[in-house]
Amino acid sequence: MKKTDILVTGGAGYIGSHTLVELHNSGYRPIIVDNLSNTSLENIKGAENIIKNKITFYEFDCTDEDQMNELFELENNIEAVIHFAAFKAVEESVREPKKYYDNNIGSLEVLLKIMKKYDVNNIIFSSSCTVYGSPDILPVSESAPFKKAESPYGETKQLCEKLIDEVDLNSISLRYFNPVGSHDTCLIGDCSADKPNNLVPIICEVAGGKRNTMQIFGNDYKTIDGTCVRDYIHVVDLAKAHLAALNHILDSKKIKTAYNIGVGKGVSVQEVIDFFEKINDLKISYKIGPRRAGDVEEIYSDNTKINNELNWFPVMSFESALKTAWIWEKNK
């Protein structure tokens, strides 16, 4: 039986590599395009080890129209695209906004143009809870308005969702909260070439001795302990949400929608550090510093829509996320 071809842009990245494993295990044929600018071939090798199969991979840049044309000429049975390819560091986007606008929006513009040319009509977009800015009501639902983005990264996600809404394609935007952890084999994970900007990878680097200490950016917020509060979703649960979205979009004649992907519960920065120390029997050196530009005080997800419409629920534990994150760091 012929497998359905799914193009996964940024498929060598953290979330992309976990998603392609789920795609393969569910009978799809993932095709990766990734320029490896902020990840590694190790994730492709790791994924191939997990699924015991070779994965089709193109080292192309999604902003390069000629390369994307070539890819769609060679792979002429693509049924849907899952678009991960983007820069993702909030702090860096504040320092280098043009880099984020050119790449994150530019890659989508090229992709949408090529999809139309080759009559590929289904896209699942890797969005973010940053589209909500600082929401007025928590937990935040998909009906919440887009407020002013707290960072250029967040603004690129807002603009990309608007771009997708304007074209005649079936689309699902997945607004993730904070992905953490690794596959239980720990053969794939976050291979970002730049310094980690997210909390759990930074904690792991301190635990592993790559950093002497870490900084908590502000402890004077109006939260449970003064530190920022986030919703942490296990990356395997997140990957399975992409699979649920794909199944749904391929079964739909016409769809344009968005879903939150989170756990629905907020955890503070201080609580994450304390829990990591407890379950891994380690001490993490940290100090309190000033607030960081681009940070939202508190945000967590209302998952009711995806629960009801796609029957997706997070099942992986936060303990598993922190344990596998630490094993991945030790094995890198």
C-alpha atoms as a PDB file:
ATOM      1  CA  MET A   1       0.000   0.000   0.000  1.00  0.00           C
ATOM      2  CA  LYS A   2       1.372   3.403  -1.029  1.00  0.00           C
ATOM      3  CA  LYS A   3       2.094   5.773   1.861  1.00  0.00           C
ATOM      4  CA  THR A   4       0.869   9.365   1.925  1.00  0.00           C
ATOM      5  CA  ASP A   5       3.761  11.817   1.456  1.00  0.00           C
ATOM      6  CA  ILE A   6       4.018  14.614   4.019  1.00  0.00           C
ATOM      7  CA  LEU A   7       6.592  17.402   3.673  1.00  0.00           C
ATOM      8  CA  VAL A   8       8.078  18.409   7.029  1.00  0.00           C
ATOM      9  CA  THR A   9       9.973  21.694   6.828  1.00  0.00           C
ATOM     10  CA  GLY A  10      12.479  22.058   9.647  1.00  0.00           C
ATOM     11  CA  GLY A  11      12.137  18.314  10.121  1.00  0.00           C
ATOM     12  CA  ALA A  12      15.643  17.920  11.543  1.00  0.00           C
ATOM     13  CA  GLY A  13      14.780  20.244  14.416  1.00  0.00           C
ATOM     14  CA  TYR A  14      13.585  19.483  17.911  1.00  0.00           C
ATOM     15  CA  ILE A  15       9.830  19.265  17.378  1.00  0.00           C
ATOM     16  CA  GLY A  16      10.110  18.284  13.715  1.00  0.00           C
ATOM     17  CA  SER A  17      12.214  15.184  14.421  1.00  0.00           C
ATOM     18  CA  HIS A  18       9.755  13.965  17.065  1.00  0.00           C
ATOM     19  CA  THR A  19       6.854  14.563  14.685  1.00  0.00           C
ATOM     20  CA  LEU A  20       8.377  12.631  11.805  1.00  0.00           C
ATOM     21  CA  VAL A  21       8.731   9.584  14.094  1.00  0.00           C
ATOM     22  CA  GLU A  22       5.004   9.772  14.866  1.00  0.00           C
ATOM     23  CA  LEU A  23       4.210  10.244  11.163  1.00  0.00           C
ATOM     24  CA  HIS A  24       6.194   7.173  10.154  1.00  0.00           C
ATOM     25  CA  ASN A  25       4.705   5.066  12.944  1.00  0.00           C
ATOM     26  CA  SER A  26       1.223   5.991  11.712  1.00  0.00           C
ATOM     27  CA  GLY A  27       1.850   4.967   8.119  1.00  0.00           C
ATOM     28  CA  TYR A  28       2.826   8.290   6.543  1.00  0.00           C
ATOM     29  CA  ARG A  29       6.002   8.954   4.537  1.00  0.00           C
ATOM     30  CA  PRO A  30       7.717  12.051   5.970  1.00  0.00           C
ATOM     31  CA  ILE A  31       9.966  14.048   3.644  1.00  0.00           C
ATOM     32  CA  ILE A  32      12.318  16.465   5.407  1.00  0.00           C
ATOM     33  CA  VAL A  33      13.569  19.800   4.158  1.00  0.00           C
ATOM     34  CA  ASP A  34      15.977  21.588   6.498  1.00  0.00           C
ATOM     35  CA  ASN A  35      18.967  23.846   5.900  1.00  0.00           C
ATOM     36  CA  LEU A  36      20.559  22.676   9.194  1.00  0.00           C
ATOM     37  CA  SER A  37      21.198  26.300  10.177  1.00  0.00           C
ATOM     38  CA  ASN A  38      20.174  25.643  13.762  1.00  0.00           C
ATOM     39  CA  THR A  39      20.089  21.874  14.177  1.00  0.00           C
ATOM     40  CA  SER A  40      22.074  18.767  13.293  1.00  0.00           C
ATOM     41  CA  LEU A  41      22.023  15.634  11.174  1.00  0.00           C
ATOM     42  CA  GLU A  42      22.106  13.781  14.496  1.00  0.00           C
ATOM     43  CA  ASN A  43      18.344  14.144  14.814  1.00  0.00           C
ATOM     44  CA  ILE A  44      17.796  12.555  11.403  1.00  0.00           C
ATOM     45  CA  LYS A  45      20.140   9.701  12.303  1.00  0.00           C
ATOM     46  CA  GLY A  46      18.423   9.324  15.658  1.00  0.00           C
ATOM     47  CA  ALA A  47      14.967   9.267  14.087  1.00  0.00           C
ATOM     48  CA  GLU A  48      16.103   6.688  11.531  1.00  0.00           C
ATOM     49  CA  ASN A  49      17.425   4.582  14.396  1.00  0.00           C
ATOM     50  CA  ILE A  50      14.069   4.801  16.180  1.00  0.00           C
ATOM     51  CA  ILE A  51      11.930   3.908  13.153  1.00  0.00           C
ATOM     52  CA  LYS A  52      14.477   1.481  11.632  1.00  0.00           C
ATOM     53  CA  ASN A  53      14.095   3.120   8.254  1.00  0.00           C
ATOM     54  CA  LYS A  54      15.737   5.725   6.024  1.00  0.00           C
ATOM     55  CA  ILE A  55      14.144   9.149   5.840  1.00  0.00           C
ATOM     56  CA  THR A  56      14.098  11.235   2.658  1.00  0.00           C
ATOM     57  CA  PHE A  57      15.989  14.450   3.385  1.00  0.00           C
ATOM     58  CA  TYR A  58      16.741  17.585   1.356  1.00  0.00           C
ATOM     59  CA  GLU A  59      19.277  20.077   2.696  1.00  0.00           C
ATOM     60  CA  PHE A  60      17.450  23.033   1.172  1.00  0.00           C
ATOM     61  CA  ASP A  61      16.512  26.474   2.464  1.00  0.00           C
ATOM     62  CA  CYS A  62      12.774  27.225   2.591  1.00  0.00           C
ATOM     63  CA  THR A  63      13.403  30.862   1.649  1.00  0.00           C
ATOM     64  CA  ASP A  64      15.047  29.737  -1.630  1.00  0.00           C
ATOM     65  CA  GLU A  65      12.311  29.541  -4.258  1.00  0.00           C
ATOM     66  CA  ASP A  66      14.476  27.661  -6.768  1.00  0.00           C
ATOM     67  CA  GLN A  67      15.350  24.958  -4.245  1.00  0.00           C
ATOM     68  CA  MET A  68      11.733  24.577  -3.142  1.00  0.00           C
ATOM     69  CA  ASN A  69      10.639  24.339  -6.774  1.00  0.00           C
ATOM     70  CA  GLU A  70      13.176  21.570  -7.284  1.00  0.00           C
ATOM     71  CA  LEU A  71      11.927  19.708  -4.230  1.00  0.00           C
ATOM     72  CA  PHE A  72       8.269  19.820  -5.338  1.00  0.00           C
ATOM     73  CA  GLU A  73       9.298  18.687  -8.845  1.00  0.00           C
ATOM     74  CA  LEU A  74      11.136  15.686  -7.387  1.00  0.00           C
ATOM     75  CA  GLU A  75       8.491  14.849  -4.800  1.00  0.00           C
ATOM     76  CA  ASN A  76       5.278  15.173  -6.763  1.00  0.00           C
ATOM     77  CA  ASN A  77       2.919  13.275  -4.447  1.00  0.00           C
ATOM     78  CA  ILE A  78       2.983  15.559  -1.402  1.00  0.00           C
ATOM     79  CA  GLU A  79      -0.462  15.714   0.212  1.00  0.00           C
ATOM     80  CA  ALA A  80       0.264  18.121   3.067  1.00  0.00           C
ATOM     81  CA  VAL A  81       2.993  20.289   4.575  1.00  0.00           C
ATOM     82  CA  ILE A  82       3.856  20.629   8.249  1.00  0.00           C
ATOM     83  CA  HIS A  83       5.775  23.881   8.457  1.00  0.00           C
ATOM     84  CA  PHE A  84       8.214  24.065  11.383  1.00  0.00           C
ATOM     85  CA  ALA A  85      11.101  25.902   9.719  1.00  0.00           C
ATOM     86  CA  ALA A  86      11.672  29.167  11.623  1.00  0.00           C
ATOM     87  CA  PHE A  87      14.005  30.884  14.043  1.00  0.00           C
ATOM     88  CA  LYS A  88      12.587  30.573  17.549  1.00  0.00           C
ATOM     89  CA  ALA A  89      14.561  32.462  20.219  1.00  0.00           C
ATOM     90  CA  VAL A  90      12.497  35.256  21.755  1.00  0.00           C
ATOM     91  CA  GLU A  91      15.507  37.072  23.212  1.00  0.00           C
ATOM     92  CA  GLU A  92      17.470  36.947  19.947  1.00  0.00           C
ATOM     93  CA  SER A  93      14.457  38.250  18.032  1.00  0.00           C
ATOM     94  CA  VAL A  94      14.478  41.372  20.209  1.00  0.00           C
ATOM     95  CA  ARG A  95      18.146  41.933  19.300  1.00  0.00           C
ATOM     96  CA  GLU A  96      17.894  40.906  15.618  1.00  0.00           C
ATOM     97  CA  PRO A  97      14.324  41.500  14.447  1.00  0.00           C
ATOM     98  CA  LYS A  98      15.147  41.666  10.729  1.00  0.00           C
ATOM     99  CA  LYS A  99      16.625  38.160  10.846  1.00  0.00           C
ATOM    100  CA  TYR A 100      13.296  36.888  12.179  1.00  0.00           C
ATOM    101  CA  TYR A 101      11.055  38.807   9.786  1.00  0.00           C
ATOM    102  CA  ASP A 102      13.135  37.799   6.736  1.00  0.00           C
ATOM    103  CA  ASN A 103      13.356  34.122   7.636  1.00  0.00           C
ATOM    104  CA  ASN A 104      10.103  33.297   9.410  1.00  0.00           C
ATOM    105  CA  ILE A 105       7.809  35.275   7.137  1.00  0.00           C
ATOM    106  CA  GLY A 106       9.955  34.855   4.020  1.00  0.00           C
ATOM    107  CA  SER A 107      10.024  31.065   4.238  1.00  0.00           C
ATOM    108  CA  LEU A 108       6.236  30.899   4.571  1.00  0.00           C
ATOM    109  CA  GLU A 109       5.699  33.260   1.623  1.00  0.00           C
ATOM    110  CA  VAL A 110       7.842  31.033  -0.597  1.00  0.00           C
ATOM    111  CA  LEU A 111       6.171  27.870   0.681  1.00  0.00           C
ATOM    112  CA  LEU A 112       2.625  29.150   0.087  1.00  0.00           C
ATOM    113  CA  LYS A 113       3.567  30.240  -3.445  1.00  0.00           C
ATOM    114  CA  ILE A 114       5.075  26.836  -4.264  1.00  0.00           C
ATOM    115  CA  MET A 115       2.163  24.931  -2.686  1.00  0.00           C
ATOM    116  CA  LYS A 116      -0.282  26.836  -4.887  1.00  0.00           C
ATOM    117  CA  LYS A 117       1.823  26.171  -7.984  1.00  0.00           C
ATOM    118  CA  TYR A 118       1.895  22.423  -7.332  1.00  0.00           C
ATOM    119  CA  ASP A 119      -1.694  22.174  -6.065  1.00  0.00           C
ATOM    120  CA  VAL A 120      -0.800  21.077  -2.519  1.00  0.00           C
ATOM    121  CA  ASN A 121      -3.734  22.294  -0.453  1.00  0.00           C
ATOM    122  CA  ASN A 122      -3.102  21.328   3.180  1.00  0.00           C
ATOM    123  CA  ILE A 123      -0.801  23.067   5.644  1.00  0.00           C
ATOM    124  CA  ILE A 124      -0.250  22.649   9.370  1.00  0.00           C
ATOM    125  CA  PHE A 125       1.571  25.657  10.740  1.00  0.00           C
ATOM    126  CA  SER A 126       3.878  25.680  13.738  1.00  0.00           C
ATOM    127  CA  SER A 127       2.561  28.673  15.646  1.00  0.00           C
ATOM    128  CA  SER A 128       2.981  29.739  19.252  1.00  0.00           C
ATOM    129  CA  CYS A 129       1.155  31.012  22.310  1.00  0.00           C
ATOM    130  CA  THR A 130       3.180  34.199  21.829  1.00  0.00           C
ATOM    131  CA  VAL A 131       0.466  35.268  19.337  1.00  0.00           C
ATOM    132  CA  TYR A 132      -1.701  36.163  22.355  1.00  0.00           C
ATOM    133  CA  GLY A 133       0.805  38.645  23.809  1.00  0.00           C
ATOM    134  CA  SER A 134      -0.127  39.160  27.477  1.00  0.00           C
ATOM    135  CA  PRO A 135      -3.648  37.722  27.584  1.00  0.00           C
ATOM    136  CA  ASP A 136      -6.378  39.300  29.712  1.00  0.00           C
ATOM    137  CA  ILE A 137      -7.982  35.982  30.687  1.00  0.00           C
ATOM    138  CA  LEU A 138      -6.290  32.753  31.819  1.00  0.00           C
ATOM    139  CA  PRO A 139      -6.316  30.023  30.764  1.00  0.00           C
ATOM    140  CA  VAL A 140      -6.161  31.518  27.287  1.00  0.00           C
ATOM    141  CA  SER A 141      -8.420  30.069  24.576  1.00  0.00           C
ATOM    142  CA  GLU A 142      -8.235  30.297  20.790  1.00  0.00           C
ATOM    143  CA  SER A 143     -10.958  32.950  20.822  1.00  0.00           C
ATOM    144  CA  ALA A 144      -8.642  35.392  22.629  1.00  0.00           C
ATOM    145  CA  PRO A 145      -7.651  38.345  20.425  1.00  0.00           C
ATOM    146  CA  PHE A 146      -4.099  38.824  19.219  1.00  0.00           C
ATOM    147  CA  LYS A 147      -2.691  41.563  21.435  1.00  0.00           C
ATOM    148  CA  LYS A 148       0.519  43.450  20.776  1.00  0.00           C
ATOM    149  CA  ALA A 149       3.290  40.859  20.533  1.00  0.00           C
ATOM    150  CA  GLU A 150       5.914  40.997  23.278  1.00  0.00           C
ATOM    151  CA  SER A 151       8.711  40.204  20.786  1.00  0.00           C
ATOM    152  CA  PRO A 152       9.470  40.224  17.051  1.00  0.00           C
ATOM    153  CA  TYR A 153       9.349  36.401  17.210  1.00  0.00           C
ATOM    154  CA  GLY A 154       5.764  36.574  18.467  1.00  0.00           C
ATOM    155  CA  GLU A 155       4.887  39.131  15.816  1.00  0.00           C
ATOM    156  CA  THR A 156       6.212  36.850  13.053  1.00  0.00           C
ATOM    157  CA  LYS A 157       3.867  34.108  14.267  1.00  0.00           C
ATOM    158  CA  GLN A 158       0.926  36.531  14.228  1.00  0.00           C
ATOM    159  CA  LEU A 159       1.788  37.713  10.710  1.00  0.00           C
ATOM    160  CA  CYS A 160       2.288  34.164   9.444  1.00  0.00           C
ATOM    161  CA  GLU A 161      -1.133  33.083  10.723  1.00  0.00           C
ATOM    162  CA  LYS A 162      -2.664  36.085   8.947  1.00  0.00           C
ATOM    163  CA  LEU A 163      -0.836  35.186   5.720  1.00  0.00           C
ATOM    164  CA  ILE A 164      -2.217  31.652   5.867  1.00  0.00           C
ATOM    165  CA  ASP A 165      -5.739  32.956   6.511  1.00  0.00           C
ATOM    166  CA  GLU A 166      -5.547  35.025   3.322  1.00  0.00           C
ATOM    167  CA  VAL A 167      -4.787  32.128   0.956  1.00  0.00           C
ATOM    168  CA  ASP A 168      -7.149  29.483  -0.384  1.00  0.00           C
ATOM    169  CA  LEU A 169      -5.711  26.490   1.476  1.00  0.00           C
ATOM    170  CA  ASN A 170      -6.870  24.128   4.187  1.00  0.00           C
ATOM    171  CA  SER A 171      -4.940  25.122   7.279  1.00  0.00           C
ATOM    172  CA  ILE A 172      -4.499  24.326  10.951  1.00  0.00           C
ATOM    173  CA  SER A 173      -2.283  26.528  13.113  1.00  0.00           C
ATOM    174  CA  LEU A 174      -1.018  24.829  16.262  1.00  0.00           C
ATOM    175  CA  ARG A 175      -0.259  27.353  18.984  1.00  0.00           C
ATOM    176  CA  TYR A 176       2.177  25.583  21.259  1.00  0.00           C
ATOM    177  CA  PHE A 177       3.051  26.535  24.723  1.00  0.00           C
ATOM    178  CA  ASN A 178       6.502  25.387  26.027  1.00  0.00           C
ATOM    179  CA  PRO A 179       7.811  22.094  24.576  1.00  0.00           C
ATOM    180  CA  VAL A 180      10.069  20.106  26.905  1.00  0.00           C
ATOM    181  CA  GLY A 181      11.618  16.636  27.165  1.00  0.00           C
ATOM    182  CA  SER A 182      12.699  14.088  24.597  1.00  0.00           C
ATOM    183  CA  HIS A 183      11.612  10.793  23.063  1.00  0.00           C
ATOM    184  CA  ASP A 184      11.934   7.978  25.595  1.00  0.00           C
ATOM    185  CA  THR A 185      14.903   6.564  23.654  1.00  0.00           C
ATOM    186  CA  CYS A 186      16.660   9.944  24.022  1.00  0.00           C
ATOM    187  CA  LEU A 187      17.985   9.486  20.473  1.00  0.00           C
ATOM    188  CA  ILE A 188      16.470  12.778  19.292  1.00  0.00           C
ATOM    189  CA  GLY A 189      16.229  16.144  21.017  1.00  0.00           C
ATOM    190  CA  ASP A 190      17.109  19.813  20.850  1.00  0.00           C
ATOM    191  CA  CYS A 191      20.224  20.142  18.660  1.00  0.00           C
ATOM    192  CA  SER A 192      20.071  23.932  18.383  1.00  0.00           C
ATOM    193  CA  ALA A 193      23.403  25.353  17.294  1.00  0.00           C
ATOM    194  CA  ASP A 194      22.882  28.550  19.247  1.00  0.00           C
ATOM    195  CA  LYS A 195      22.913  28.879  23.013  1.00  0.00           C
ATOM    196  CA  PRO A 196      19.690  27.621  24.601  1.00  0.00           C
ATOM    197  CA  ASN A 197      17.214  30.372  25.402  1.00  0.00           C
ATOM    198  CA  ASN A 198      14.541  28.155  26.931  1.00  0.00           C
ATOM    199  CA  LEU A 199      14.419  27.288  30.608  1.00  0.00           C
ATOM    200  CA  VAL A 200      14.767  23.500  30.698  1.00  0.00           C
ATOM    201  CA  PRO A 201      17.728  23.250  28.270  1.00  0.00           C
ATOM    202  CA  ILE A 202      19.482  25.976  30.290  1.00  0.00           C
ATOM    203  CA  ILE A 203      18.867  24.070  33.542  1.00  0.00           C
ATOM    204  CA  CYS A 204      20.305  20.949  31.891  1.00  0.00           C
ATOM    205  CA  GLU A 205      23.446  22.823  30.801  1.00  0.00           C
ATOM    206  CA  VAL A 206      23.992  24.027  34.379  1.00  0.00           C
ATOM    207  CA  ALA A 207      23.474  20.483  35.657  1.00  0.00           C
ATOM    208  CA  GLY A 208      25.978  19.173  33.111  1.00  0.00           C
ATOM    209  CA  GLY A 209      28.632  21.784  33.861  1.00  0.00           C
ATOM    210  CA  LYS A 210      28.427  23.652  30.552  1.00  0.00           C
ATOM    211  CA  ARG A 211      27.342  26.701  32.548  1.00  0.00           C
ATOM    212  CA  ASN A 212      28.454  27.574  36.050  1.00  0.00           C
ATOM    213  CA  THR A 213      25.136  29.118  36.943  1.00  0.00           C
ATOM    214  CA  MET A 214      21.882  30.398  35.436  1.00  0.00           C
ATOM    215  CA  GLN A 215      19.777  33.484  35.864  1.00  0.00           C
ATOM    216  CA  ILE A 216      16.114  33.767  36.753  1.00  0.00           C
ATOM    217  CA  PHE A 217      14.839  36.816  34.873  1.00  0.00           C
ATOM    218  CA  GLY A 218      12.836  38.613  37.542  1.00  0.00           C
ATOM    219  CA  ASN A 219      11.183  37.465  40.754  1.00  0.00           C
ATOM    220  CA  ASP A 220       8.854  40.409  41.203  1.00  0.00           C
ATOM    221  CA  TYR A 221       6.013  39.342  38.896  1.00  0.00           C
ATOM    222  CA  LYS A 222       2.462  38.956  40.251  1.00  0.00           C
ATOM    223  CA  THR A 223       2.699  35.159  40.271  1.00  0.00           C
ATOM    224  CA  ILE A 224       2.799  32.401  42.875  1.00  0.00           C
ATOM    225  CA  ASP A 225       6.472  33.040  43.735  1.00  0.00           C
ATOM    226  CA  GLY A 226       7.311  36.137  41.689  1.00  0.00           C
ATOM    227  CA  THR A 227       8.817  34.234  38.727  1.00  0.00           C
ATOM    228  CA  CYS A 228       7.249  33.856  35.284  1.00  0.00           C
ATOM    229  CA  VAL A 229       4.648  31.126  34.806  1.00  0.00           C
ATOM    230  CA  ARG A 230       4.442  28.912  31.711  1.00  0.00           C
ATOM    231  CA  ASP A 231       2.603  25.840  30.442  1.00  0.00           C
ATOM    232  CA  TYR A 232       5.064  23.005  29.699  1.00  0.00           C
ATOM    233  CA  ILE A 233       4.032  20.387  27.123  1.00  0.00           C
ATOM    234  CA  HIS A 234       6.007  17.162  26.582  1.00  0.00           C
ATOM    235  CA  VAL A 235       7.426  17.181  23.050  1.00  0.00           C
ATOM    236  CA  VAL A 236       6.036  13.672  22.350  1.00  0.00           C
ATOM    237  CA  ASP A 237       2.524  14.865  23.216  1.00  0.00           C
ATOM    238  CA  LEU A 238       3.128  17.855  20.953  1.00  0.00           C
ATOM    239  CA  ALA A 239       4.271  15.595  18.096  1.00  0.00           C
ATOM    240  CA  LYS A 240       1.119  13.510  18.488  1.00  0.00           C
ATOM    241  CA  ALA A 241      -0.968  16.680  18.297  1.00  0.00           C
ATOM    242  CA  HIS A 242       0.531  17.286  14.832  1.00  0.00           C
ATOM    243  CA  LEU A 243      -0.485  13.766  13.848  1.00  0.00           C
ATOM    244  CA  ALA A 244      -4.045  14.372  15.072  1.00  0.00           C
ATOM    245  CA  ALA A 245      -4.152  17.659  13.158  1.00  0.00           C
ATOM    246  CA  LEU A 246      -2.857  15.971  10.002  1.00  0.00           C
ATOM    247  CA  ASN A 247      -5.444  13.201  10.156  1.00  0.00           C
ATOM    248  CA  HIS A 248      -8.126  15.842  10.640  1.00  0.00           C
ATOM    249  CA  ILE A 249      -7.036  18.127   7.810  1.00  0.00           C
ATOM    250  CA  LEU A 250      -6.793  15.250   5.324  1.00  0.00           C
ATOM    251  CA  ASP A 251     -10.337  14.184   6.245  1.00  0.00           C
ATOM    252  CA  SER A 252     -11.725  17.711   5.871  1.00  0.00           C
ATOM    253  CA  LYS A 253     -13.030  19.238   2.660  1.00  0.00           C
ATOM    254  CA  LYS A 254     -12.563  22.803   3.868  1.00  0.00           C
ATOM    255  CA  ILE A 255     -10.920  23.913   7.095  1.00  0.00           C
ATOM    256  CA  LYS A 256      -9.189  26.964   8.533  1.00  0.00           C
ATOM    257  CA  THR A 257      -8.683  26.784  12.270  1.00  0.00           C
ATOM    258  CA  ALA A 258      -6.226  26.958  15.151  1.00  0.00           C
ATOM    259  CA  TYR A 259      -5.653  24.885  18.281  1.00  0.00           C
ATOM    260  CA  ASN A 260      -3.798  25.488  21.517  1.00  0.00           C
ATOM    261  CA  ILE A 261      -1.328  22.754  22.466  1.00  0.00           C
ATOM    262  CA  GLY A 262      -0.514  22.816  26.153  1.00  0.00           C
ATOM    263  CA  VAL A 263      -1.229  21.022  29.397  1.00  0.00           C
ATOM    264  CA  GLY A 264      -3.596  23.645  30.753  1.00  0.00           C
ATOM    265  CA  LYS A 265      -1.638  24.279  33.922  1.00  0.00           C
ATOM    266  CA  GLY A 266       0.953  26.926  34.731  1.00  0.00           C
ATOM    267  CA  VAL A 267       4.288  26.182  36.391  1.00  0.00           C
ATOM    268  CA  SER A 268       6.655  28.905  37.590  1.00  0.00           C
ATOM    269  CA  VAL A 269      10.350  29.140  36.727  1.00  0.00           C
ATOM    270  CA  GLN A 270      11.230  28.539  40.362  1.00  0.00           C
ATOM    271  CA  GLU A 271       8.958  25.471  40.524  1.00  0.00           C
ATOM    272  CA  VAL A 272      10.607  23.983  37.418  1.00  0.00           C
ATOM    273  CA  ILE A 273      14.076  24.365  38.934  1.00  0.00           C
ATOM    274  CA  ASP A 274      12.955  22.884  42.255  1.00  0.00           C
ATOM    275  CA  PHE A 275      11.248  19.910  40.566  1.00  0.00           C
ATOM    276  CA  PHE A 276      14.235  19.254  38.285  1.00  0.00           C
ATOM    277  CA  GLU A 277      16.513  19.162  41.338  1.00  0.00           C
ATOM    278  CA  LYS A 278      14.211  16.775  43.148  1.00  0.00           C
ATOM    279  CA  ILE A 279      13.603  14.190  40.426  1.00  0.00           C
ATOM    280  CA  ASN A 280      17.194  14.153  39.132  1.00  0.00           C
ATOM    281  CA  ASP A 281      18.806  14.449  42.586  1.00  0.00           C
ATOM    282  CA  LEU A 282      20.890  17.464  41.581  1.00  0.00           C
ATOM    283  CA  LYS A 283      21.505  21.017  42.751  1.00  0.00           C
ATOM    284  CA  ILE A 284      21.188  23.847  40.238  1.00  0.00           C
ATOM    285  CA  SER A 285      23.150  27.050  40.785  1.00  0.00           C
ATOM    286  CA  TYR A 286      21.076  30.122  39.947  1.00  0.00           C
ATOM    287  CA  LYS A 287      20.807  33.795  40.721  1.00  0.00           C
ATOM    288  CA  ILE A 288      18.023  36.332  40.423  1.00  0.00           C
ATOM    289  CA  GLY A 289      18.442  38.965  37.723  1.00  0.00           C
ATOM    290  CA  PRO A 290      16.352  41.718  36.135  1.00  0.00           C
ATOM    291  CA  ARG A 291      13.350  41.017  33.954  1.00  0.00           C
ATOM    292  CA  ARG A 292      14.067  40.091  30.334  1.00  0.00           C
ATOM    293  CA  ALA A 293      12.654  41.963  27.345  1.00  0.00           C
ATOM    294  CA  GLY A 294       9.938  40.019  25.531  1.00  0.00           C
ATOM    295  CA  ASP A 295       8.848  37.872  28.485  1.00  0.00           C
ATOM    296  CA  VAL A 296       5.145  37.503  29.283  1.00  0.00           C
ATOM    297  CA  GLU A 297       4.337  37.343  33.001  1.00  0.00           C
ATOM    298  CA  GLU A 298       2.004  34.353  32.978  1.00  0.00           C
ATOM    299  CA  ILE A 299       0.344  32.214  30.317  1.00  0.00           C
ATOM    300  CA  TYR A 300      -1.208  28.771  30.168  1.00  0.00           C
ATOM    301  CA  SER A 301      -3.568  27.002  27.840  1.00  0.00           C
ATOM    302  CA  ASP A 302      -7.241  26.231  27.550  1.00  0.00           C
ATOM    303  CA  ASN A 303      -7.173  22.957  25.568  1.00  0.00           C
ATOM    304  CA  THR A 304     -10.936  22.440  25.382  1.00  0.00           C
ATOM    305  CA  LYS A 305     -11.156  22.959  21.621  1.00  0.00           C
ATOM    306  CA  ILE A 306      -8.568  20.347  20.606  1.00  0.00           C
ATOM    307  CA  ASN A 307      -9.831  17.947  23.290  1.00  0.00           C
ATOM    308  CA  ASN A 308     -13.354  18.111  21.848  1.00  0.00           C
ATOM    309  CA  GLU A 309     -12.602  18.322  18.124  1.00  0.00           C
ATOM    310  CA  LEU A 310      -9.531  16.097  17.705  1.00  0.00           C
ATOM    311  CA  ASN A 311      -9.786  13.949  20.833  1.00  0.00           C
ATOM    312  CA  TRP A 312      -6.203  14.894  21.680  1.00  0.00           C
ATOM    313  CA  PHE A 313      -5.106  15.010  25.318  1.00  0.00           C
ATOM    314  CA  PRO A 314      -1.604  15.329  26.825  1.00  0.00           C
ATOM    315  CA  VAL A 315      -0.622  12.069  28.520  1.00  0.00           C
ATOM    316  CA  MET A 316       3.122  12.379  29.179  1.00  0.00           C
ATOM    317  CA  SER A 317       4.213  13.497  32.651  1.00  0.00           C
ATOM    318  CA  PHE A 318       6.282  16.553  33.505  1.00  0.00           C
ATOM    319  CA  GLU A 319       8.569  14.221  35.451  1.00  0.00           C
ATOM    320  CA  SER A 320       9.237  12.252  32.247  1.00  0.00           C
ATOM    321  CA  ALA A 321       9.937  15.496  30.385  1.00  0.00           C
ATOM    322  CA  LEU A 322      12.543  16.644  32.905  1.00  0.00           C
ATOM    323  CA  LYS A 323      14.167  13.214  33.168  1.00  0.00           C
ATOM    324  CA  THR A 324      14.488  12.707  29.402  1.00  0.00           C
ATOM    325  CA  ALA A 325      15.689  16.286  28.936  1.00  0.00           C
ATOM    326  CA  TRP A 326      18.520  15.591  31.375  1.00  0.00           C
ATOM    327  CA  ILE A 327      19.400  12.229  29.784  1.00  0.00           C
ATOM    328  CA  TRP A 328      19.460  13.886  26.342  1.00  0.00           C
ATOM    329  CA  GLU A 329      21.828  16.565  27.635  1.00  0.00           C
ATOM    330  CA  LYS A 330      24.167  13.992  29.194  1.00  0.00           C
ATOM    331  CA  ASN A 331      24.239  11.926  25.993  1.00  0.00           C
ATOM    332  CA  LYS A 332      24.917  14.842  23.606  1.00  0.00           C
END
